[in-house]
Amino acid sequence: MSSLRDFDDSTLWRISAYERLRAETGHSGFARLSANTALPTTLTAELTQLSQMNRENDALEVLAACVRQRDSALLLLRHRDLVWPLTVFPQRDLYHLPRPLIPSMESGHHDLKVIAVEPPGLRPPGHLMHERVADGPGYRPLLPLLWAFALHAPRTTLLGDIAGRAAYRLAASFPREATPLPGALGPALQRLRTEIASLADIARWPGMDRERAARLLNGVYLQGGLMVLRTHPAAREAPGNGHRLADWWRSGR
């Protein structure tokens, strides 16, 4: 079997091999590619805050932190008992993975968690440090991945940065040619172009519920296209446990 250090290999490594190497060497096997570099202090601060809230494994929150800070990072993800080395380049709107992840997420495999965050060992195409630009087709546009994480990652509630008492609307700059969304999400997205609504309001729109509404808002937020209005008359707190029980009862249990 090849070594876990063969970073550019299209093989994905089993979590057991990753954990064994980590126990033996004290590092992941990927860190060697980034020499002595470290994550930016702003991103490190956000990751520390997520750890204090026990959210350091939340793939959507960690990805959102990278996008918010516009910082590149290597996210080592556990998915289907494999380690997926996802390198995100928010400033270039790109990411790198040796194999496609989105089809697996869309097929119903939602077991996604972050096991480590490291400095990126790769650089995007066109970078001056061309020796760190990977060969092959592993570079992909970031936008579809952001939607996939929002719609299919395990998190079913609003990201912390947009939760709380609020109402929402699409920013005027949000592109109309955005990625087509399935089912009721597309019409709900279009409705947010002209209406200001709380999470509870959106959850009551045709075909929507609390989880779909949260996933939609998370996706738009990751694109930088969400207006979060804290003082608008329509602003409401996100529904609590009582609302979740009512939603469960109405859905037929």
C-alpha atoms as a PDB file:
ATOM      1  CA  MET A   1       0.000   0.000   0.000  1.00  0.00           C
ATOM      2  CA  SER A   2       1.248   3.509  -0.766  1.00  0.00           C
ATOM      3  CA  SER A   3       2.278   5.863   1.973  1.00  0.00           C
ATOM      4  CA  LEU A   4      -0.159   8.445   3.316  1.00  0.00           C
ATOM      5  CA  ARG A   5       2.508  10.984   2.385  1.00  0.00           C
ATOM      6  CA  ASP A   6       1.671  10.538  -1.325  1.00  0.00           C
ATOM      7  CA  PHE A   7      -0.445  13.673  -1.170  1.00  0.00           C
ATOM      8  CA  ASP A   8      -0.974  14.013  -4.925  1.00  0.00           C
ATOM      9  CA  ASP A   9      -2.148  10.423  -5.352  1.00  0.00           C
ATOM     10  CA  SER A  10      -5.832  10.164  -6.273  1.00  0.00           C
ATOM     11  CA  THR A  11      -6.249   7.472  -3.610  1.00  0.00           C
ATOM     12  CA  LEU A  12      -8.153   8.477  -0.491  1.00  0.00           C
ATOM     13  CA  TRP A  13      -6.749   7.088   2.710  1.00  0.00           C
ATOM     14  CA  ARG A  14      -8.685   5.160   5.334  1.00  0.00           C
ATOM     15  CA  ILE A  15      -9.171   6.903   8.651  1.00  0.00           C
ATOM     16  CA  SER A  16      -7.411   4.001  10.404  1.00  0.00           C
ATOM     17  CA  ALA A  17      -4.210   4.636   8.391  1.00  0.00           C
ATOM     18  CA  TYR A  18      -4.394   8.359   9.135  1.00  0.00           C
ATOM     19  CA  GLU A  19      -4.859   7.762  12.865  1.00  0.00           C
ATOM     20  CA  ARG A  20      -2.009   5.232  12.947  1.00  0.00           C
ATOM     21  CA  LEU A  21       0.400   7.655  11.267  1.00  0.00           C
ATOM     22  CA  ARG A  22      -0.690  10.470  13.577  1.00  0.00           C
ATOM     23  CA  ALA A  23      -0.074   8.289  16.621  1.00  0.00           C
ATOM     24  CA  GLU A  24       3.345   7.212  15.348  1.00  0.00           C
ATOM     25  CA  THR A  25       4.678  10.559  14.120  1.00  0.00           C
ATOM     26  CA  GLY A  26       2.636  13.249  15.835  1.00  0.00           C
ATOM     27  CA  HIS A  27       1.573  14.823  12.530  1.00  0.00           C
ATOM     28  CA  SER A  28      -0.876  14.093   9.740  1.00  0.00           C
ATOM     29  CA  GLY A  29       1.525  13.382   6.906  1.00  0.00           C
ATOM     30  CA  PHE A  30       0.323  16.472   5.010  1.00  0.00           C
ATOM     31  CA  ALA A  31       1.997  19.167   7.111  1.00  0.00           C
ATOM     32  CA  ARG A  32       5.406  18.535   5.515  1.00  0.00           C
ATOM     33  CA  LEU A  33       4.146  20.204   2.335  1.00  0.00           C
ATOM     34  CA  SER A  34       3.732  23.570   4.046  1.00  0.00           C
ATOM     35  CA  ALA A  35       7.240  23.828   5.494  1.00  0.00           C
ATOM     36  CA  ASN A  36       7.194  26.055   8.591  1.00  0.00           C
ATOM     37  CA  THR A  37       4.162  28.125   7.634  1.00  0.00           C
ATOM     38  CA  ALA A  38       1.198  28.544   9.945  1.00  0.00           C
ATOM     39  CA  LEU A  39      -2.442  29.432   9.572  1.00  0.00           C
ATOM     40  CA  PRO A  40      -3.215  33.171   9.648  1.00  0.00           C
ATOM     41  CA  THR A  41      -3.902  34.498  13.122  1.00  0.00           C
ATOM     42  CA  THR A  42      -7.415  35.669  12.213  1.00  0.00           C
ATOM     43  CA  LEU A  43      -8.424  32.190  11.035  1.00  0.00           C
ATOM     44  CA  THR A  44      -6.703  30.577  14.017  1.00  0.00           C
ATOM     45  CA  ALA A  45      -8.730  32.821  16.334  1.00  0.00           C
ATOM     46  CA  GLU A  46     -11.976  31.735  14.677  1.00  0.00           C
ATOM     47  CA  LEU A  47     -11.021  28.061  14.885  1.00  0.00           C
ATOM     48  CA  THR A  48     -10.139  28.494  18.561  1.00  0.00           C
ATOM     49  CA  GLN A  49     -13.553  30.022  19.179  1.00  0.00           C
ATOM     50  CA  LEU A  50     -15.233  27.106  17.398  1.00  0.00           C
ATOM     51  CA  SER A  51     -13.242  24.694  19.565  1.00  0.00           C
ATOM     52  CA  GLN A  52     -14.412  26.491  22.719  1.00  0.00           C
ATOM     53  CA  MET A  53     -17.992  25.970  21.525  1.00  0.00           C
ATOM     54  CA  ASN A  54     -17.286  22.286  20.661  1.00  0.00           C
ATOM     55  CA  ARG A  55     -17.832  23.025  16.967  1.00  0.00           C
ATOM     56  CA  GLU A  56     -14.301  22.403  15.715  1.00  0.00           C
ATOM     57  CA  ASN A  57     -15.512  19.301  13.834  1.00  0.00           C
ATOM     58  CA  ASP A  58     -18.451  21.095  12.192  1.00  0.00           C
ATOM     59  CA  ALA A  59     -17.480  21.082   8.517  1.00  0.00           C
ATOM     60  CA  LEU A  60     -19.864  23.901   7.584  1.00  0.00           C
ATOM     61  CA  GLU A  61     -18.691  26.205  10.378  1.00  0.00           C
ATOM     62  CA  VAL A  62     -15.011  25.591   9.582  1.00  0.00           C
ATOM     63  CA  LEU A  63     -15.540  26.176   5.870  1.00  0.00           C
ATOM     64  CA  ALA A  64     -17.506  29.339   6.657  1.00  0.00           C
ATOM     65  CA  ALA A  65     -14.595  30.612   8.782  1.00  0.00           C
ATOM     66  CA  CYS A  66     -12.185  30.135   5.855  1.00  0.00           C
ATOM     67  CA  VAL A  67     -14.546  31.894   3.455  1.00  0.00           C
ATOM     68  CA  ARG A  68     -15.269  34.721   5.882  1.00  0.00           C
ATOM     69  CA  GLN A  69     -11.555  35.406   6.451  1.00  0.00           C
ATOM     70  CA  ARG A  70     -10.684  34.724   2.775  1.00  0.00           C
ATOM     71  CA  ASP A  71      -7.891  32.449   4.019  1.00  0.00           C
ATOM     72  CA  SER A  72      -6.621  29.346   2.251  1.00  0.00           C
ATOM     73  CA  ALA A  73      -6.422  26.192   4.374  1.00  0.00           C
ATOM     74  CA  LEU A  74      -6.223  22.424   4.185  1.00  0.00           C
ATOM     75  CA  LEU A  75      -9.282  20.809   5.784  1.00  0.00           C
ATOM     76  CA  LEU A  76      -8.851  17.118   6.501  1.00  0.00           C
ATOM     77  CA  LEU A  77     -12.362  15.690   6.355  1.00  0.00           C
ATOM     78  CA  ARG A  78     -13.679  12.350   7.529  1.00  0.00           C
ATOM     79  CA  HIS A  79     -16.259  11.044   5.070  1.00  0.00           C
ATOM     80  CA  ARG A  80     -17.287   7.421   4.471  1.00  0.00           C
ATOM     81  CA  ASP A  81     -14.421   6.322   6.751  1.00  0.00           C
ATOM     82  CA  LEU A  82     -11.877   8.002   4.448  1.00  0.00           C
ATOM     83  CA  VAL A  83      -9.687  11.089   4.806  1.00  0.00           C
ATOM     84  CA  TRP A  84     -10.459  13.728   2.156  1.00  0.00           C
ATOM     85  CA  PRO A  85      -7.733  16.438   1.921  1.00  0.00           C
ATOM     86  CA  LEU A  86      -9.754  19.509   0.919  1.00  0.00           C
ATOM     87  CA  THR A  87      -7.689  22.618   0.171  1.00  0.00           C
ATOM     88  CA  VAL A  88      -9.772  25.777  -0.170  1.00  0.00           C
ATOM     89  CA  PHE A  89      -8.628  28.976  -1.910  1.00  0.00           C
ATOM     90  CA  PRO A  90     -11.408  31.502  -1.157  1.00  0.00           C
ATOM     91  CA  GLN A  91      -9.601  34.416  -2.806  1.00  0.00           C
ATOM     92  CA  ARG A  92      -9.428  32.472  -6.065  1.00  0.00           C
ATOM     93  CA  ASP A  93     -12.898  30.880  -5.681  1.00  0.00           C
ATOM     94  CA  LEU A  94     -11.274  27.470  -6.077  1.00  0.00           C
ATOM     95  CA  TYR A  95     -10.694  24.301  -4.103  1.00  0.00           C
ATOM     96  CA  HIS A  96      -8.600  21.194  -4.628  1.00  0.00           C
ATOM     97  CA  LEU A  97      -9.487  17.563  -3.959  1.00  0.00           C
ATOM     98  CA  PRO A  98      -7.939  14.480  -5.535  1.00  0.00           C
ATOM     99  CA  ARG A  99     -11.411  13.022  -6.137  1.00  0.00           C
ATOM    100  CA  PRO A 100     -14.911  14.573  -6.428  1.00  0.00           C
ATOM    101  CA  LEU A 101     -16.760  14.898  -3.116  1.00  0.00           C
ATOM    102  CA  ILE A 102     -20.047  16.516  -4.153  1.00  0.00           C
ATOM    103  CA  PRO A 103     -21.642  13.413  -5.803  1.00  0.00           C
ATOM    104  CA  SER A 104     -21.111  11.405  -2.626  1.00  0.00           C
ATOM    105  CA  MET A 105     -22.737  14.130  -0.503  1.00  0.00           C
ATOM    106  CA  GLU A 106     -25.669  14.470  -2.895  1.00  0.00           C
ATOM    107  CA  SER A 107     -26.244  10.700  -2.848  1.00  0.00           C
ATOM    108  CA  GLY A 108     -27.088  10.825   0.845  1.00  0.00           C
ATOM    109  CA  HIS A 109     -23.722  10.271   2.547  1.00  0.00           C
ATOM    110  CA  HIS A 110     -23.855  13.095   5.090  1.00  0.00           C
ATOM    111  CA  ASP A 111     -21.223  11.769   7.530  1.00  0.00           C
ATOM    112  CA  LEU A 112     -18.874  14.726   7.135  1.00  0.00           C
ATOM    113  CA  LYS A 113     -16.649  16.100   9.895  1.00  0.00           C
ATOM    114  CA  VAL A 114     -13.379  18.011  10.192  1.00  0.00           C
ATOM    115  CA  ILE A 115     -10.555  16.064  11.832  1.00  0.00           C
ATOM    116  CA  ALA A 116      -7.810  18.684  11.363  1.00  0.00           C
ATOM    117  CA  VAL A 117      -7.124  22.093   9.818  1.00  0.00           C
ATOM    118  CA  GLU A 118      -3.620  22.833   8.511  1.00  0.00           C
ATOM    119  CA  PRO A 119      -1.864  25.405   6.341  1.00  0.00           C
ATOM    120  CA  PRO A 120      -2.356  24.652   2.653  1.00  0.00           C
ATOM    121  CA  GLY A 121       0.350  22.461   1.133  1.00  0.00           C
ATOM    122  CA  LEU A 122      -0.804  23.348  -2.372  1.00  0.00           C
ATOM    123  CA  ARG A 123      -1.112  26.609  -4.248  1.00  0.00           C
ATOM    124  CA  PRO A 124      -3.726  27.590  -6.844  1.00  0.00           C
ATOM    125  CA  PRO A 125      -2.924  27.500 -10.572  1.00  0.00           C
ATOM    126  CA  GLY A 126      -0.838  30.446 -11.726  1.00  0.00           C
ATOM    127  CA  HIS A 127       0.885  30.914  -8.357  1.00  0.00           C
ATOM    128  CA  LEU A 128       4.545  31.973  -8.450  1.00  0.00           C
ATOM    129  CA  MET A 129       5.461  28.954  -6.317  1.00  0.00           C
ATOM    130  CA  HIS A 130       4.640  26.675  -9.214  1.00  0.00           C
ATOM    131  CA  GLU A 131       6.310  23.666  -7.597  1.00  0.00           C
ATOM    132  CA  ARG A 132       3.391  23.558  -5.159  1.00  0.00           C
ATOM    133  CA  VAL A 133       0.720  23.658  -7.869  1.00  0.00           C
ATOM    134  CA  ALA A 134      -0.732  20.160  -8.171  1.00  0.00           C
ATOM    135  CA  ASP A 135      -0.955  18.265 -11.425  1.00  0.00           C
ATOM    136  CA  GLY A 136      -4.183  16.781 -12.731  1.00  0.00           C
ATOM    137  CA  PRO A 137      -7.823  17.840 -12.600  1.00  0.00           C
ATOM    138  CA  GLY A 138      -8.130  18.263  -8.827  1.00  0.00           C
ATOM    139  CA  TYR A 139      -8.843  22.035  -8.938  1.00  0.00           C
ATOM    140  CA  ARG A 140     -12.538  22.884  -9.060  1.00  0.00           C
ATOM    141  CA  PRO A 141     -14.747  26.017  -8.702  1.00  0.00           C
ATOM    142  CA  LEU A 142     -15.640  26.741  -5.084  1.00  0.00           C
ATOM    143  CA  LEU A 143     -19.263  27.860  -5.593  1.00  0.00           C
ATOM    144  CA  PRO A 144     -20.784  24.360  -6.133  1.00  0.00           C
ATOM    145  CA  LEU A 145     -18.911  23.053  -3.091  1.00  0.00           C
ATOM    146  CA  LEU A 146     -20.288  25.839  -0.888  1.00  0.00           C
ATOM    147  CA  TRP A 147     -23.829  24.937  -1.938  1.00  0.00           C
ATOM    148  CA  ALA A 148     -23.146  21.225  -1.397  1.00  0.00           C
ATOM    149  CA  PHE A 149     -21.874  21.841   2.138  1.00  0.00           C
ATOM    150  CA  ALA A 150     -24.848  24.055   2.958  1.00  0.00           C
ATOM    151  CA  LEU A 151     -27.426  21.614   1.585  1.00  0.00           C
ATOM    152  CA  HIS A 152     -25.875  18.260   2.533  1.00  0.00           C
ATOM    153  CA  ALA A 153     -23.440  18.646   5.447  1.00  0.00           C
ATOM    154  CA  PRO A 154     -24.684  17.286   8.795  1.00  0.00           C
ATOM    155  CA  ARG A 155     -25.479  20.759  10.177  1.00  0.00           C
ATOM    156  CA  THR A 156     -29.225  21.443   9.961  1.00  0.00           C
ATOM    157  CA  THR A 157     -29.328  24.788  11.789  1.00  0.00           C
ATOM    158  CA  LEU A 158     -28.195  28.315  11.006  1.00  0.00           C
ATOM    159  CA  LEU A 159     -24.509  29.140  11.142  1.00  0.00           C
ATOM    160  CA  GLY A 160     -23.607  31.005  14.294  1.00  0.00           C
ATOM    161  CA  ASP A 161     -22.763  34.209  12.435  1.00  0.00           C
ATOM    162  CA  ILE A 162     -26.308  34.631  11.076  1.00  0.00           C
ATOM    163  CA  ALA A 163     -28.348  33.043  13.877  1.00  0.00           C
ATOM    164  CA  GLY A 164     -30.283  34.863  16.585  1.00  0.00           C
ATOM    165  CA  ARG A 165     -32.903  37.559  16.229  1.00  0.00           C
ATOM    166  CA  ALA A 166     -32.834  38.469  12.537  1.00  0.00           C
ATOM    167  CA  ALA A 167     -34.649  38.814   9.251  1.00  0.00           C
ATOM    168  CA  TYR A 168     -33.095  38.006   5.893  1.00  0.00           C
ATOM    169  CA  ARG A 169     -33.079  39.121   2.286  1.00  0.00           C
ATOM    170  CA  LEU A 170     -30.886  38.549  -0.763  1.00  0.00           C
ATOM    171  CA  ALA A 171     -28.375  41.267  -1.502  1.00  0.00           C
ATOM    172  CA  ALA A 172     -29.062  43.100  -4.758  1.00  0.00           C
ATOM    173  CA  SER A 173     -25.655  41.946  -6.026  1.00  0.00           C
ATOM    174  CA  PHE A 174     -26.512  38.242  -5.665  1.00  0.00           C
ATOM    175  CA  PRO A 175     -26.315  36.816  -9.213  1.00  0.00           C
ATOM    176  CA  ARG A 176     -29.534  35.671 -10.832  1.00  0.00           C
ATOM    177  CA  GLU A 177     -27.665  32.937 -12.657  1.00  0.00           C
ATOM    178  CA  ALA A 178     -26.870  31.225  -9.347  1.00  0.00           C
ATOM    179  CA  THR A 179     -26.662  27.436  -9.197  1.00  0.00           C
ATOM    180  CA  PRO A 180     -30.145  25.870  -9.716  1.00  0.00           C
ATOM    181  CA  LEU A 181     -31.535  24.561  -6.444  1.00  0.00           C
ATOM    182  CA  PRO A 182     -33.766  21.515  -6.025  1.00  0.00           C
ATOM    183  CA  GLY A 183     -37.439  21.476  -5.098  1.00  0.00           C
ATOM    184  CA  ALA A 184     -38.865  24.363  -3.113  1.00  0.00           C
ATOM    185  CA  LEU A 185     -35.446  25.948  -2.519  1.00  0.00           C
ATOM    186  CA  GLY A 186     -35.367  27.641  -5.933  1.00  0.00           C
ATOM    187  CA  PRO A 187     -38.679  29.492  -5.554  1.00  0.00           C
ATOM    188  CA  ALA A 188     -37.787  30.403  -1.947  1.00  0.00           C
ATOM    189  CA  LEU A 189     -34.484  31.875  -3.127  1.00  0.00           C
ATOM    190  CA  GLN A 190     -36.286  33.983  -5.740  1.00  0.00           C
ATOM    191  CA  ARG A 191     -38.815  35.146  -3.158  1.00  0.00           C
ATOM    192  CA  LEU A 192     -35.978  36.418  -0.967  1.00  0.00           C
ATOM    193  CA  ARG A 193     -35.060  38.829  -3.751  1.00  0.00           C
ATOM    194  CA  THR A 194     -38.150  40.907  -3.018  1.00  0.00           C
ATOM    195  CA  GLU A 195     -39.198  39.945   0.529  1.00  0.00           C
ATOM    196  CA  ILE A 196     -37.661  40.328   3.962  1.00  0.00           C
ATOM    197  CA  ALA A 197     -38.429  37.323   6.153  1.00  0.00           C
ATOM    198  CA  SER A 198     -37.349  35.592   9.354  1.00  0.00           C
ATOM    199  CA  LEU A 199     -36.294  31.954   9.506  1.00  0.00           C
ATOM    200  CA  ALA A 200     -39.746  31.065  10.845  1.00  0.00           C
ATOM    201  CA  ASP A 201     -41.422  32.918   7.964  1.00  0.00           C
ATOM    202  CA  ILE A 202     -39.309  31.126   5.343  1.00  0.00           C
ATOM    203  CA  ALA A 203     -39.977  27.770   7.006  1.00  0.00           C
ATOM    204  CA  ARG A 204     -43.723  28.323   6.363  1.00  0.00           C
ATOM    205  CA  TRP A 205     -43.341  29.009   2.646  1.00  0.00           C
ATOM    206  CA  PRO A 206     -44.634  26.299   0.259  1.00  0.00           C
ATOM    207  CA  GLY A 207     -42.493  23.175   0.372  1.00  0.00           C
ATOM    208  CA  MET A 208     -40.183  24.571   3.046  1.00  0.00           C
ATOM    209  CA  ASP A 209     -39.521  23.661   6.658  1.00  0.00           C
ATOM    210  CA  ARG A 210     -37.098  24.833   9.340  1.00  0.00           C
ATOM    211  CA  GLU A 211     -34.175  22.726   8.138  1.00  0.00           C
ATOM    212  CA  ARG A 212     -34.602  23.651   4.464  1.00  0.00           C
ATOM    213  CA  ALA A 213     -34.853  27.327   5.390  1.00  0.00           C
ATOM    214  CA  ALA A 214     -31.663  27.160   7.481  1.00  0.00           C
ATOM    215  CA  ARG A 215     -29.769  25.326   4.747  1.00  0.00           C
ATOM    216  CA  LEU A 216     -30.879  27.849   2.135  1.00  0.00           C
ATOM    217  CA  LEU A 217     -29.814  30.820   4.252  1.00  0.00           C
ATOM    218  CA  ASN A 218     -26.484  29.167   5.082  1.00  0.00           C
ATOM    219  CA  GLY A 219     -25.823  28.617   1.385  1.00  0.00           C
ATOM    220  CA  VAL A 220     -26.584  32.216   0.428  1.00  0.00           C
ATOM    221  CA  TYR A 221     -24.458  33.454   3.326  1.00  0.00           C
ATOM    222  CA  LEU A 222     -21.468  31.414   2.128  1.00  0.00           C
ATOM    223  CA  GLN A 223     -21.824  33.138  -1.267  1.00  0.00           C
ATOM    224  CA  GLY A 224     -21.650  36.544   0.415  1.00  0.00           C
ATOM    225  CA  GLY A 225     -25.172  37.313  -0.816  1.00  0.00           C
ATOM    226  CA  LEU A 226     -27.209  37.397   2.418  1.00  0.00           C
ATOM    227  CA  MET A 227     -28.442  40.548   4.137  1.00  0.00           C
ATOM    228  CA  VAL A 228     -28.895  39.896   7.874  1.00  0.00           C
ATOM    229  CA  LEU A 229     -31.229  42.522   9.358  1.00  0.00           C
ATOM    230  CA  ARG A 230     -31.164  42.567  13.157  1.00  0.00           C
ATOM    231  CA  THR A 231     -33.459  45.566  13.811  1.00  0.00           C
ATOM    232  CA  HIS A 232     -36.042  45.126  11.047  1.00  0.00           C
ATOM    233  CA  PRO A 233     -39.682  44.670  12.249  1.00  0.00           C
ATOM    234  CA  ALA A 234     -39.680  41.204  10.645  1.00  0.00           C
ATOM    235  CA  ALA A 235     -36.682  40.060  12.728  1.00  0.00           C
ATOM    236  CA  ARG A 236     -37.452  37.053  14.929  1.00  0.00           C
ATOM    237  CA  GLU A 237     -35.512  34.631  17.077  1.00  0.00           C
ATOM    238  CA  ALA A 238     -34.897  31.231  15.465  1.00  0.00           C
ATOM    239  CA  PRO A 239     -37.555  28.702  16.568  1.00  0.00           C
ATOM    240  CA  GLY A 240     -36.713  26.734  19.675  1.00  0.00           C
ATOM    241  CA  ASN A 241     -37.516  23.200  20.772  1.00  0.00           C
ATOM    242  CA  GLY A 242     -41.234  23.860  20.869  1.00  0.00           C
ATOM    243  CA  HIS A 243     -41.258  24.851  17.207  1.00  0.00           C
ATOM    244  CA  ARG A 244     -39.211  21.777  16.299  1.00  0.00           C
ATOM    245  CA  LEU A 245     -41.762  19.561  18.056  1.00  0.00           C
ATOM    246  CA  ALA A 246     -44.608  21.276  16.203  1.00  0.00           C
ATOM    247  CA  ASP A 247     -42.810  20.833  12.886  1.00  0.00           C
ATOM    248  CA  TRP A 248     -42.283  17.146  13.679  1.00  0.00           C
ATOM    249  CA  TRP A 249     -45.991  16.717  14.547  1.00  0.00           C
ATOM    250  CA  ARG A 250     -47.186  18.469  11.373  1.00  0.00           C
ATOM    251  CA  SER A 251     -44.828  16.379   9.220  1.00  0.00           C
ATOM    252  CA  GLY A 252     -46.614  13.207  10.319  1.00  0.00           C
ATOM    253  CA  ARG A 253     -43.897  12.073  12.746  1.00  0.00           C
END
